[in-house]
């Protein structure tokens, strides 16, 4: 019976006398030690499409096709010039043929 009375008095004192600092199981403790809210980046699906339009894409592909055609014509011209130089060389005629990155700078005269 004494234990019951002591417990009742202690619980009455706890209600009447506030604690000095919040305990681990109080709302103040959880608010004070709550982790910060995470920063979530905005979803890319929430923004409208920012890529090229149909007309811009068509222009990009048209310029790419023109560049490919110019490259193909340049290669065709170089191959034709190489064949012409080889045909003249087989007849013994000197042809001043050179190319980018050639190890020589001038065509030898009288060789």
PDB file of N, CA and C in Angstrom:
ATOM      1  N   UNK A   1       0.807  -1.174   0.000  1.00  0.00           N
ATOM      2  CA  UNK A   1       0.000   0.000   0.000  1.00  0.00           C
ATOM      3  C   UNK A   1       0.866   1.260   0.000  1.00  0.00           C
ATOM      4  N   UNK A   2       2.024   1.163   0.699  1.00  0.00           N
ATOM      5  CA  UNK A   2       2.906   2.319   0.710  1.00  0.00           C
ATOM      6  C   UNK A   2       3.400   2.644  -0.696  1.00  0.00           C
ATOM      7  N   UNK A   3       3.730   1.623  -1.458  1.00  0.00           N
ATOM      8  CA  UNK A   3       4.212   1.851  -2.828  1.00  0.00           C
ATOM      9  C   UNK A   3       3.163   2.561  -3.669  1.00  0.00           C
ATOM     10  N   UNK A   4       1.937   2.188  -3.502  1.00  0.00           N
ATOM     11  CA  UNK A   4       0.864   2.801  -4.261  1.00  0.00           C
ATOM     12  C   UNK A   4       0.742   4.279  -3.917  1.00  0.00           C
ATOM     13  N   UNK A   5       0.843   4.618  -2.663  1.00  0.00           N
ATOM     14  CA  UNK A   5       0.731   6.008  -2.220  1.00  0.00           C
ATOM     15  C   UNK A   5       1.909   6.826  -2.728  1.00  0.00           C
ATOM     16  N   UNK A   6       3.108   6.251  -2.648  1.00  0.00           N
ATOM     17  CA  UNK A   6       4.309   6.960  -3.119  1.00  0.00           C
ATOM     18  C   UNK A   6       4.215   7.210  -4.622  1.00  0.00           C
ATOM     19  N   UNK A   7       3.761   6.236  -5.343  1.00  0.00           N
ATOM     20  CA  UNK A   7       3.616   6.411  -6.802  1.00  0.00           C
ATOM     21  C   UNK A   7       2.571   7.471  -7.118  1.00  0.00           C
ATOM     22  N   UNK A   8       1.487   7.489  -6.425  1.00  0.00           N
ATOM     23  CA  UNK A   8       0.445   8.480  -6.653  1.00  0.00           C
ATOM     24  C   UNK A   8       0.963   9.886  -6.355  1.00  0.00           C
ATOM     25  N   UNK A   9       1.720  10.031  -5.257  1.00  0.00           N
ATOM     26  CA  UNK A   9       2.270  11.348  -4.941  1.00  0.00           C
ATOM     27  C   UNK A   9       3.297  11.796  -5.978  1.00  0.00           C
ATOM     28  N   UNK A  10       4.137  10.886  -6.388  1.00  0.00           N
ATOM     29  CA  UNK A  10       5.143  11.243  -7.397  1.00  0.00           C
ATOM     30  C   UNK A  10       4.487  11.620  -8.725  1.00  0.00           C
ATOM     31  N   UNK A  11       3.461  10.913  -9.116  1.00  0.00           N
ATOM     32  CA  UNK A  11       2.795  11.255 -10.371  1.00  0.00           C
ATOM     33  C   UNK A  11       2.081  12.599 -10.243  1.00  0.00           C
ATOM     34  N   UNK A  12       1.541  12.913  -9.066  1.00  0.00           N
ATOM     35  CA  UNK A  12       0.910  14.219  -8.851  1.00  0.00           C
ATOM     36  C   UNK A  12       1.953  15.317  -8.913  1.00  0.00           C
ATOM     37  N   UNK A  13       3.137  15.081  -8.373  1.00  0.00           N
ATOM     38  CA  UNK A  13       4.201  16.079  -8.420  1.00  0.00           C
ATOM     39  C   UNK A  13       4.697  16.290  -9.855  1.00  0.00           C
ATOM     40  N   UNK A  14       4.748  15.244 -10.629  1.00  0.00           N
ATOM     41  CA  UNK A  14       5.177  15.376 -12.027  1.00  0.00           C
ATOM     42  C   UNK A  14       4.215  16.248 -12.822  1.00  0.00           C
ATOM     43  N   UNK A  15       2.951  16.139 -12.512  1.00  0.00           N
ATOM     44  CA  UNK A  15       1.957  16.955 -13.206  1.00  0.00           C
ATOM     45  C   UNK A  15       2.079  18.410 -12.774  1.00  0.00           C
ATOM     46  N   UNK A  16       2.302  18.645 -11.492  1.00  0.00           N
ATOM     47  CA  UNK A  16       2.333  20.012 -10.970  1.00  0.00           C
ATOM     48  C   UNK A  16       3.651  20.728 -11.258  1.00  0.00           C
ATOM     49  N   UNK A  17       4.753  20.001 -11.243  1.00  0.00           N
ATOM     50  CA  UNK A  17       6.069  20.624 -11.438  1.00  0.00           C
ATOM     51  C   UNK A  17       6.562  20.255 -12.850  1.00  0.00           C
ATOM     52  N   UNK A  18       6.742  21.241 -13.708  1.00  0.00           N
ATOM     53  CA  UNK A  18       7.220  20.928 -15.065  1.00  0.00           C
ATOM     54  C   UNK A  18       8.693  20.531 -15.054  1.00  0.00           C
ATOM     55  N   UNK A  19       9.080  19.810 -16.050  1.00  0.00           N
ATOM     56  CA  UNK A  19      10.486  19.393 -16.170  1.00  0.00           C
ATOM     57  C   UNK A  19      11.329  20.561 -16.648  1.00  0.00           C
ATOM     58  N   UNK A  20      12.600  20.479 -16.372  1.00  0.00           N
ATOM     59  CA  UNK A  20      13.512  21.539 -16.791  1.00  0.00           C
ATOM     60  C   UNK A  20      13.799  21.476 -18.292  1.00  0.00           C
ATOM     61  N   UNK A  21      13.960  20.296 -18.840  1.00  0.00           N
ATOM     62  CA  UNK A  21      14.236  20.132 -20.270  1.00  0.00           C
ATOM     63  C   UNK A  21      13.321  19.040 -20.807  1.00  0.00           C
ATOM     64  N   UNK A  22      13.011  19.123 -22.081  1.00  0.00           N
ATOM     65  CA  UNK A  22      12.109  18.103 -22.631  1.00  0.00           C
ATOM     66  C   UNK A  22      12.794  16.748 -22.678  1.00  0.00           C
ATOM     67  N   UNK A  23      12.049  15.734 -22.372  1.00  0.00           N
ATOM     68  CA  UNK A  23      12.590  14.382 -22.408  1.00  0.00           C
ATOM     69  C   UNK A  23      12.620  13.845 -23.828  1.00  0.00           C
ATOM     70  N   UNK A  24      13.104  12.641 -23.977  1.00  0.00           N
ATOM     71  CA  UNK A  24      13.243  12.057 -25.305  1.00  0.00           C
ATOM     72  C   UNK A  24      11.908  11.676 -25.924  1.00  0.00           C
ATOM     73  N   UNK A  25      10.888  11.525 -25.128  1.00  0.00           N
ATOM     74  CA  UNK A  25       9.607  11.068 -25.642  1.00  0.00           C
ATOM     75  C   UNK A  25       8.556  12.160 -25.662  1.00  0.00           C
ATOM     76  N   UNK A  26       8.992  13.418 -25.704  1.00  0.00           N
ATOM     77  CA  UNK A  26       8.046  14.523 -25.763  1.00  0.00           C
ATOM     78  C   UNK A  26       8.015  15.096 -27.171  1.00  0.00           C
ATOM     79  N   UNK A  27       6.959  15.847 -27.447  1.00  0.00           N
ATOM     80  CA  UNK A  27       6.818  16.456 -28.772  1.00  0.00           C
ATOM     81  C   UNK A  27       7.905  17.491 -29.009  1.00  0.00           C
ATOM     82  N   UNK A  28       8.310  18.220 -27.964  1.00  0.00           N
ATOM     83  CA  UNK A  28       9.360  19.229 -28.123  1.00  0.00           C
ATOM     84  C   UNK A  28      10.668  18.600 -28.562  1.00  0.00           C
ATOM     85  N   UNK A  29      10.972  17.439 -28.016  1.00  0.00           N
ATOM     86  CA  UNK A  29      12.209  16.748 -28.383  1.00  0.00           C
ATOM     87  C   UNK A  29      12.179  16.351 -29.858  1.00  0.00           C
ATOM     88  N   UNK A  30      11.049  15.814 -30.303  1.00  0.00           N
ATOM     89  CA  UNK A  30      10.969  15.378 -31.695  1.00  0.00           C
ATOM     90  C   UNK A  30      10.993  16.555 -32.660  1.00  0.00           C
ATOM     91  N   UNK A  31      10.396  17.684 -32.267  1.00  0.00           N
ATOM     92  CA  UNK A  31      10.432  18.874 -33.121  1.00  0.00           C
ATOM     93  C   UNK A  31      11.847  19.429 -33.182  1.00  0.00           C
ATOM     94  N   UNK A  32      12.542  19.441 -32.037  1.00  0.00           N
ATOM     95  CA  UNK A  32      13.895  19.997 -31.988  1.00  0.00           C
ATOM     96  C   UNK A  32      14.890  19.129 -32.742  1.00  0.00           C
ATOM     97  N   UNK A  33      14.690  17.830 -32.762  1.00  0.00           N
ATOM     98  CA  UNK A  33      15.655  16.935 -33.399  1.00  0.00           C
ATOM     99  C   UNK A  33      15.157  16.367 -34.719  1.00  0.00           C
ATOM    100  N   UNK A  34      14.114  16.963 -35.286  1.00  0.00           N
ATOM    101  CA  UNK A  34      13.576  16.450 -36.548  1.00  0.00           C
ATOM    102  C   UNK A  34      14.597  16.666 -37.666  1.00  0.00           C
ATOM    103  N   UNK A  35      14.769  15.685 -38.558  1.00  0.00           N
ATOM    104  CA  UNK A  35      15.704  15.867 -39.666  1.00  0.00           C
ATOM    105  C   UNK A  35      15.168  16.921 -40.631  1.00  0.00           C
ATOM    106  N   UNK A  36      16.051  17.615 -41.323  1.00  0.00           N
ATOM    107  CA  UNK A  36      15.576  18.635 -42.260  1.00  0.00           C
ATOM    108  C   UNK A  36      14.824  17.972 -43.418  1.00  0.00           C
ATOM    109  N   UNK A  37      13.892  18.704 -43.963  1.00  0.00           N
ATOM    110  CA  UNK A  37      13.125  18.150 -45.085  1.00  0.00           C
ATOM    111  C   UNK A  37      14.031  18.072 -46.308  1.00  0.00           C
ATOM    112  N   UNK A  38      14.019  16.969 -47.031  1.00  0.00           N
ATOM    113  CA  UNK A  38      14.906  16.828 -48.179  1.00  0.00           C
ATOM    114  C   UNK A  38      14.485  17.757 -49.321  1.00  0.00           C
ATOM    115  N   UNK A  39      15.480  18.216 -50.050  1.00  0.00           N
ATOM    116  CA  UNK A  39      15.220  19.067 -51.203  1.00  0.00           C
ATOM    117  C   UNK A  39      15.057  18.160 -52.417  1.00  0.00           C
ATOM    118  N   UNK A  40      13.876  18.148 -52.970  1.00  0.00           N
ATOM    119  CA  UNK A  40      13.591  17.291 -54.119  1.00  0.00           C
ATOM    120  C   UNK A  40      13.610  18.169 -55.363  1.00  0.00           C
ATOM    121  N   UNK A  41      14.466  17.851 -56.347  1.00  0.00           N
ATOM    122  CA  UNK A  41      14.506  18.683 -57.553  1.00  0.00           C
ATOM    123  C   UNK A  41      13.196  18.554 -58.323  1.00  0.00           C
ATOM    124  N   UNK A  42      12.855  19.575 -59.078  1.00  0.00           N
ATOM    125  CA  UNK A  42      11.614  19.498 -59.845  1.00  0.00           C
ATOM    126  C   UNK A  42      11.706  18.414 -60.917  1.00  0.00           C
ATOM    127  N   UNK A  43      10.606  17.799 -61.184  1.00  0.00           N
ATOM    128  CA  UNK A  43      10.568  16.726 -62.170  1.00  0.00           C
ATOM    129  C   UNK A  43      10.727  17.292 -63.573  1.00  0.00           C
ATOM    130  N   UNK A  44      11.543  16.653 -64.426  1.00  0.00           N
ATOM    131  CA  UNK A  44      11.660  17.152 -65.807  1.00  0.00           C
ATOM    132  C   UNK A  44      10.360  16.999 -66.580  1.00  0.00           C
ATOM    133  N   UNK A  45       9.472  16.146 -66.112  1.00  0.00           N
ATOM    134  CA  UNK A  45       8.192  15.946 -66.810  1.00  0.00           C
ATOM    135  C   UNK A  45       7.210  17.063 -66.518  1.00  0.00           C
ATOM    136  N   UNK A  46       7.515  17.924 -65.527  1.00  0.00           N
ATOM    137  CA  UNK A  46       6.600  19.010 -65.212  1.00  0.00           C
ATOM    138  C   UNK A  46       6.806  20.216 -66.130  1.00  0.00           C
ATOM    139  N   UNK A  47       7.895  20.266 -66.876  1.00  0.00           N
ATOM    140  CA  UNK A  47       8.171  21.374 -67.792  1.00  0.00           C
ATOM    141  C   UNK A  47       7.767  20.984 -69.212  1.00  0.00           C
ATOM    142  N   UNK A  48       7.434  21.953 -70.054  1.00  0.00           N
ATOM    143  CA  UNK A  48       7.114  21.624 -71.452  1.00  0.00           C
ATOM    144  C   UNK A  48       8.380  21.237 -72.215  1.00  0.00           C
ATOM    145  N   UNK A  49       8.196  20.637 -73.379  1.00  0.00           N
ATOM    146  CA  UNK A  49       9.314  20.189 -74.218  1.00  0.00           C
ATOM    147  C   UNK A  49      10.122  21.392 -74.655  1.00  0.00           C
ATOM    148  N   UNK A  50      11.449  21.322 -74.472  1.00  0.00           N
ATOM    149  CA  UNK A  50      12.314  22.448 -74.823  1.00  0.00           C
ATOM    150  C   UNK A  50      13.243  22.117 -75.968  1.00  0.00           C
ATOM    151  N   UNK A  51      13.032  20.995 -76.638  1.00  0.00           N
ATOM    152  CA  UNK A  51      13.890  20.599 -77.748  1.00  0.00           C
ATOM    153  C   UNK A  51      13.532  21.341 -79.023  1.00  0.00           C
ATOM    154  N   UNK A  52      14.206  20.983 -80.118  1.00  0.00           N
ATOM    155  CA  UNK A  52      13.941  21.671 -81.388  1.00  0.00           C
ATOM    156  C   UNK A  52      12.546  21.346 -81.926  1.00  0.00           C
ATOM    157  N   UNK A  53      12.012  22.301 -82.655  1.00  0.00           N
ATOM    158  CA  UNK A  53      10.725  22.086 -83.292  1.00  0.00           C
ATOM    159  C   UNK A  53      10.920  21.232 -84.543  1.00  0.00           C
ATOM    160  N   UNK A  54       9.815  20.894 -85.191  1.00  0.00           N
ATOM    161  CA  UNK A  54       9.890  20.077 -86.401  1.00  0.00           C
ATOM    162  C   UNK A  54      10.671  20.810 -87.492  1.00  0.00           C
ATOM    163  N   UNK A  55      10.432  22.100 -87.635  1.00  0.00           N
ATOM    164  CA  UNK A  55      11.129  22.883 -88.663  1.00  0.00           C
ATOM    165  C   UNK A  55      12.623  22.989 -88.348  1.00  0.00           C
ATOM    166  N   UNK A  56      12.961  23.197 -87.077  1.00  0.00           N
ATOM    167  CA  UNK A  56      14.378  23.276 -86.705  1.00  0.00           C
ATOM    168  C   UNK A  56      15.083  21.944 -86.941  1.00  0.00           C
ATOM    169  N   UNK A  57      14.415  20.832 -86.597  1.00  0.00           N
ATOM    170  CA  UNK A  57      15.012  19.512 -86.820  1.00  0.00           C
ATOM    171  C   UNK A  57      15.199  19.252 -88.308  1.00  0.00           C
ATOM    172  N   UNK A  58      14.223  19.650 -89.137  1.00  0.00           N
ATOM    173  CA  UNK A  58      14.354  19.470 -90.585  1.00  0.00           C
ATOM    174  C   UNK A  58      15.531  20.274 -91.121  1.00  0.00           C
ATOM    175  N   UNK A  59      15.728  21.496 -90.598  1.00  0.00           N
ATOM    176  CA  UNK A  59      16.859  22.319 -91.031  1.00  0.00           C
ATOM    177  C   UNK A  59      18.187  21.682 -90.629  1.00  0.00           C
ATOM    178  N   UNK A  60      18.242  21.116 -89.428  1.00  0.00           N
ATOM    179  CA  UNK A  60      19.477  20.451 -88.978  1.00  0.00           C
ATOM    180  C   UNK A  60      19.792  19.268 -89.888  1.00  0.00           C
ATOM    181  N   UNK A  61      18.786  18.450 -90.199  1.00  0.00           N
ATOM    182  CA  UNK A  61      19.014  17.289 -91.064  1.00  0.00           C
ATOM    183  C   UNK A  61      19.360  17.705 -92.488  1.00  0.00           C
ATOM    184  N   UNK A  62      18.763  18.818 -92.978  1.00  0.00           N
ATOM    185  CA  UNK A  62      19.075  19.289 -94.327  1.00  0.00           C
ATOM    186  C   UNK A  62      20.531  19.740 -94.407  1.00  0.00           C
ATOM    187  N   UNK A  63      20.992  20.510 -93.397  1.00  0.00           N
ATOM    188  CA  UNK A  63      22.401  20.939 -93.390  1.00  0.00           C
ATOM    189  C   UNK A  63      23.346  19.754 -93.290  1.00  0.00           C
ATOM    190  N   UNK A  64      22.965  18.744 -92.511  1.00  0.00           N
ATOM    191  CA  UNK A  64      23.804  17.549 -92.381  1.00  0.00           C
ATOM    192  C   UNK A  64      23.870  16.805 -93.716  1.00  0.00           C
ATOM    193  N   UNK A  65      22.753  16.712 -94.431  1.00  0.00           N
ATOM    194  CA  UNK A  65      22.741  16.037 -95.730  1.00  0.00           C
ATOM    195  C   UNK A  65      23.584  16.805 -96.741  1.00  0.00           C
ATOM    196  N   UNK A  66      23.521  18.151 -96.717  1.00  0.00           N
ATOM    197  CA  UNK A  66      24.350  18.949 -97.626  1.00  0.00           C
ATOM    198  C   UNK A  66      25.832  18.759 -97.318  1.00  0.00           C
ATOM    199  N   UNK A  67      26.192  18.711 -96.050  1.00  0.00           N
ATOM    200  CA  UNK A  67      27.597  18.507 -95.682  1.00  0.00           C
ATOM    201  C   UNK A  67      28.073  17.119 -96.117  1.00  0.00           C
ATOM    202  N   UNK A  68      27.213  16.100 -95.958  1.00  0.00           N
ATOM    203  CA  UNK A  68      27.581  14.749 -96.401  1.00  0.00           C
ATOM    204  C   UNK A  68      27.764  14.698 -97.913  1.00  0.00           C
ATOM    205  N   UNK A  69      26.878  15.399 -98.634  1.00  0.00           N
ATOM    206  CA  UNK A  69      27.001  15.421-100.100  1.00  0.00           C
ATOM    207  C   UNK A  69      28.283  16.129-100.524  1.00  0.00           C
ATOM    208  N   UNK A  70      28.626  17.254 -99.881  1.00  0.00           N
ATOM    209  CA  UNK A  70      29.865  17.967-100.212  1.00  0.00           C
ATOM    210  C   UNK A  70      31.080  17.099 -99.908  1.00  0.00           C
ATOM    211  N   UNK A  71      31.031  16.366 -98.796  1.00  0.00           N
ATOM    212  CA  UNK A  71      32.142  15.474 -98.450  1.00  0.00           C
ATOM    213  C   UNK A  71      32.282  14.350 -99.477  1.00  0.00           C
ATOM    214  N   UNK A  72      31.134  13.810 -99.925  1.00  0.00           N
ATOM    215  CA  UNK A  72      31.167  12.735-100.914  1.00  0.00           C
ATOM    216  C   UNK A  72      31.720  13.240-102.247  1.00  0.00           C
ATOM    217  N   UNK A  73      31.335  14.449-102.663  1.00  0.00           N
ATOM    218  CA  UNK A  73      31.852  15.019-103.915  1.00  0.00           C
ATOM    219  C   UNK A  73      33.346  15.306-103.821  1.00  0.00           C
ATOM    220  N   UNK A  74      33.795  15.793-102.660  1.00  0.00           N
ATOM    221  CA  UNK A  74      35.229  16.062-102.487  1.00  0.00           C
ATOM    222  C   UNK A  74      36.034  14.766-102.575  1.00  0.00           C
ATOM    223  N   UNK A  75      35.538  13.684-101.928  1.00  0.00           N
ATOM    224  CA  UNK A  75      36.228  12.399-102.020  1.00  0.00           C
ATOM    225  C   UNK A  75      36.236  11.878-103.457  1.00  0.00           C
ATOM    226  N   UNK A  76      35.124  12.058-104.171  1.00  0.00           N
ATOM    227  CA  UNK A  76      35.048  11.620-105.560  1.00  0.00           C
ATOM    228  C   UNK A  76      36.058  12.389-106.423  1.00  0.00           C
ATOM    229  N   UNK A  77      36.175  13.705-106.194  1.00  0.00           N
ATOM    230  CA  UNK A  77      37.138  14.516-106.938  1.00  0.00           C
ATOM    231  C   UNK A  77      38.575  14.070-106.657  1.00  0.00           C
ATOM    232  N   UNK A  78      38.890  13.806-105.375  1.00  0.00           N
ATOM    233  CA  UNK A  78      40.251  13.367-105.039  1.00  0.00           C
ATOM    234  C   UNK A  78      40.565  12.004-105.651  1.00  0.00           C
ATOM    235  N   UNK A  79      39.591  11.094-105.652  1.00  0.00           N
ATOM    236  CA  UNK A  79      39.824   9.785-106.247  1.00  0.00           C
ATOM    237  C   UNK A  79      40.032   9.912-107.760  1.00  0.00           C
ATOM    238  N   UNK A  80      39.256  10.789-108.405  1.00  0.00           N
ATOM    239  CA  UNK A  80      39.425  10.993-109.855  1.00  0.00           C
ATOM    240  C   UNK A  80      40.798  11.577-110.149  1.00  0.00           C
ATOM    241  N   UNK A  81      41.260  12.519-109.297  1.00  0.00           N
ATOM    242  CA  UNK A  81      42.590  13.098-109.510  1.00  0.00           C
ATOM    243  C   UNK A  81      43.688  12.048-109.311  1.00  0.00           C
ATOM    244  N   UNK A  82      43.539  11.173-108.324  1.00  0.00           N
ATOM    245  CA  UNK A  82      44.534  10.114-108.118  1.00  0.00           C
ATOM    246  C   UNK A  82      44.584   9.159-109.317  1.00  0.00           C
ATOM    247  N   UNK A  83      43.424   8.805-109.849  1.00  0.00           N
ATOM    248  CA  UNK A  83      43.382   7.922-111.021  1.00  0.00           C
ATOM    249  C   UNK A  83      44.020   8.601-112.235  1.00  0.00           C
ATOM    250  N   UNK A  84      43.762   9.901-112.400  1.00  0.00           N
ATOM    251  CA  UNK A  84      44.349  10.646-113.510  1.00  0.00           C
ATOM    252  C   UNK A  84      45.876  10.679-113.377  1.00  0.00           C
ATOM    253  N   UNK A  85      46.377  10.928-112.167  1.00  0.00           N
ATOM    254  CA  UNK A  85      47.823  10.961-111.933  1.00  0.00           C
ATOM    255  C   UNK A  85      48.433   9.582-112.184  1.00  0.00           C
ATOM    256  N   UNK A  86      47.729   8.505-111.779  1.00  0.00           N
ATOM    257  CA  UNK A  86      48.251   7.155-112.006  1.00  0.00           C
ATOM    258  C   UNK A  86      48.282   6.819-113.493  1.00  0.00           C
ATOM    259  N   UNK A  87      47.260   7.245-114.243  1.00  0.00           N
ATOM    260  CA  UNK A  87      47.238   6.980-115.685  1.00  0.00           C
ATOM    261  C   UNK A  87      48.360   7.722-116.390  1.00  0.00           C
ATOM    262  N   UNK A  88      48.593   8.985-116.014  1.00  0.00           N
ATOM    263  CA  UNK A  88      49.680   9.745-116.623  1.00  0.00           C
ATOM    264  C   UNK A  88      51.035   9.160-116.234  1.00  0.00           C
ATOM    265  N   UNK A  89      51.161   8.685-114.988  1.00  0.00           N
ATOM    266  CA  UNK A  89      52.431   8.103-114.553  1.00  0.00           C
ATOM    267  C   UNK A  89      52.722   6.823-115.327  1.00  0.00           C
ATOM    268  N   UNK A  90      51.677   6.059-115.683  1.00  0.00           N
ATOM    269  CA  UNK A  90      51.919   4.836-116.455  1.00  0.00           C
ATOM    270  C   UNK A  90      52.385   5.148-117.870  1.00  0.00           C
ATOM    271  N   UNK A  91      52.099   6.358-118.380  1.00  0.00           N
ATOM    272  CA  UNK A  91      52.574   6.778-119.703  1.00  0.00           C
ATOM    273  C   UNK A  91      53.909   7.502-119.618  1.00  0.00           C
ATOM    274  N   UNK A  92      54.405   7.713-118.391  1.00  0.00           N
ATOM    275  CA  UNK A  92      55.691   8.370-118.201  1.00  0.00           C
ATOM    276  C   UNK A  92      55.587   9.876-118.116  1.00  0.00           C
ATOM    277  N   UNK A  93      54.419  10.400-117.947  1.00  0.00           N
ATOM    278  CA  UNK A  93      54.213  11.855-117.851  1.00  0.00           C
ATOM    279  C   UNK A  93      54.130  12.226-116.369  1.00  0.00           C
ATOM    280  N   UNK A  94      54.920  13.276-116.019  1.00  0.00           N
ATOM    281  CA  UNK A  94      54.901  13.745-114.632  1.00  0.00           C
ATOM    282  C   UNK A  94      53.642  14.579-114.386  1.00  0.00           C
ATOM    283  N   UNK A  95      52.997  14.319-113.283  1.00  0.00           N
ATOM    284  CA  UNK A  95      51.808  15.080-112.902  1.00  0.00           C
ATOM    285  C   UNK A  95      52.032  15.614-111.493  1.00  0.00           C
ATOM    286  N   UNK A  96      51.935  16.928-111.275  1.00  0.00           N
ATOM    287  CA  UNK A  96      52.208  17.497-109.950  1.00  0.00           C
ATOM    288  C   UNK A  96      51.062  17.218-108.965  1.00  0.00           C
ATOM    289  N   UNK A  97      50.965  15.985-108.525  1.00  0.00           N
ATOM    290  CA  UNK A  97      49.912  15.581-107.601  1.00  0.00           C
ATOM    291  C   UNK A  97      50.437  15.639-106.173  1.00  0.00           C
ATOM    292  N   UNK A  98      49.697  16.252-105.288  1.00  0.00           N
ATOM    293  CA  UNK A  98      50.042  16.275-103.873  1.00  0.00           C
ATOM    294  C   UNK A  98      48.755  16.138-103.064  1.00  0.00           C
ATOM    295  N   UNK A  99      48.904  15.960-101.776  1.00  0.00           N
ATOM    296  CA  UNK A  99      47.755  15.776-100.899  1.00  0.00           C
ATOM    297  C   UNK A  99      48.098  16.344 -99.531  1.00  0.00           C
ATOM    298  N   UNK A 100      47.095  16.523 -98.714  1.00  0.00           N
ATOM    299  CA  UNK A 100      47.329  17.049 -97.370  1.00  0.00           C
ATOM    300  C   UNK A 100      48.133  16.044 -96.558  1.00  0.00           C
ATOM    301  N   UNK A 101      49.184  16.524 -95.907  1.00  0.00           N
ATOM    302  CA  UNK A 101      50.024  15.659 -95.090  1.00  0.00           C
ATOM    303  C   UNK A 101      51.097  14.932 -95.895  1.00  0.00           C
ATOM    304  N   UNK A 102      51.343  15.372 -97.131  1.00  0.00           N
ATOM    305  CA  UNK A 102      52.369  14.730 -97.960  1.00  0.00           C
ATOM    306  C   UNK A 102      53.748  14.975 -97.353  1.00  0.00           C
ATOM    307  N   UNK A 103      54.669  13.968 -97.421  1.00  0.00           N
ATOM    308  CA  UNK A 103      55.988  14.140 -96.812  1.00  0.00           C
ATOM    309  C   UNK A 103      56.904  15.058 -97.617  1.00  0.00           C
ATOM    310  N   UNK A 104      56.519  15.466 -98.796  1.00  0.00           N
ATOM    311  CA  UNK A 104      57.325  16.355 -99.631  1.00  0.00           C
ATOM    312  C   UNK A 104      56.544  17.647 -99.857  1.00  0.00           C
ATOM    313  N   UNK A 105      57.273  18.713-100.118  1.00  0.00           N
ATOM    314  CA  UNK A 105      56.612  20.003-100.307  1.00  0.00           C
ATOM    315  C   UNK A 105      56.577  20.415-101.774  1.00  0.00           C
ATOM    316  N   UNK A 106      57.578  20.040-102.559  1.00  0.00           N
ATOM    317  CA  UNK A 106      57.615  20.438-103.964  1.00  0.00           C
ATOM    318  C   UNK A 106      57.737  19.202-104.826  1.00  0.00           C
ATOM    319  N   UNK A 107      57.268  19.337-106.008  1.00  0.00           N
ATOM    320  CA  UNK A 107      57.385  18.255-106.982  1.00  0.00           C
ATOM    321  C   UNK A 107      58.791  18.311-107.550  1.00  0.00           C
ATOM    322  N   UNK A 108      59.525  17.197-107.598  1.00  0.00           N
ATOM    323  CA  UNK A 108      60.906  17.235-108.104  1.00  0.00           C
ATOM    324  C   UNK A 108      60.928  17.565-109.608  1.00  0.00           C
ATOM    325  N   UNK A 109      61.791  18.489-109.979  1.00  0.00           N
ATOM    326  CA  UNK A 109      61.905  18.912-111.364  1.00  0.00           C
ATOM    327  C   UNK A 109      63.032  18.126-112.029  1.00  0.00           C
ATOM    328  N   UNK A 110      62.758  17.549-113.202  1.00  0.00           N
ATOM    329  CA  UNK A 110      63.769  16.834-113.978  1.00  0.00           C
ATOM    330  C   UNK A 110      64.118  15.468-113.419  1.00  0.00           C
ATOM    331  N   UNK A 111      63.323  14.914-112.599  1.00  0.00           N
ATOM    332  CA  UNK A 111      63.633  13.607-112.033  1.00  0.00           C
ATOM    333  C   UNK A 111      63.155  12.492-112.914  1.00  0.00           C
TER     334      UNK A 111
END
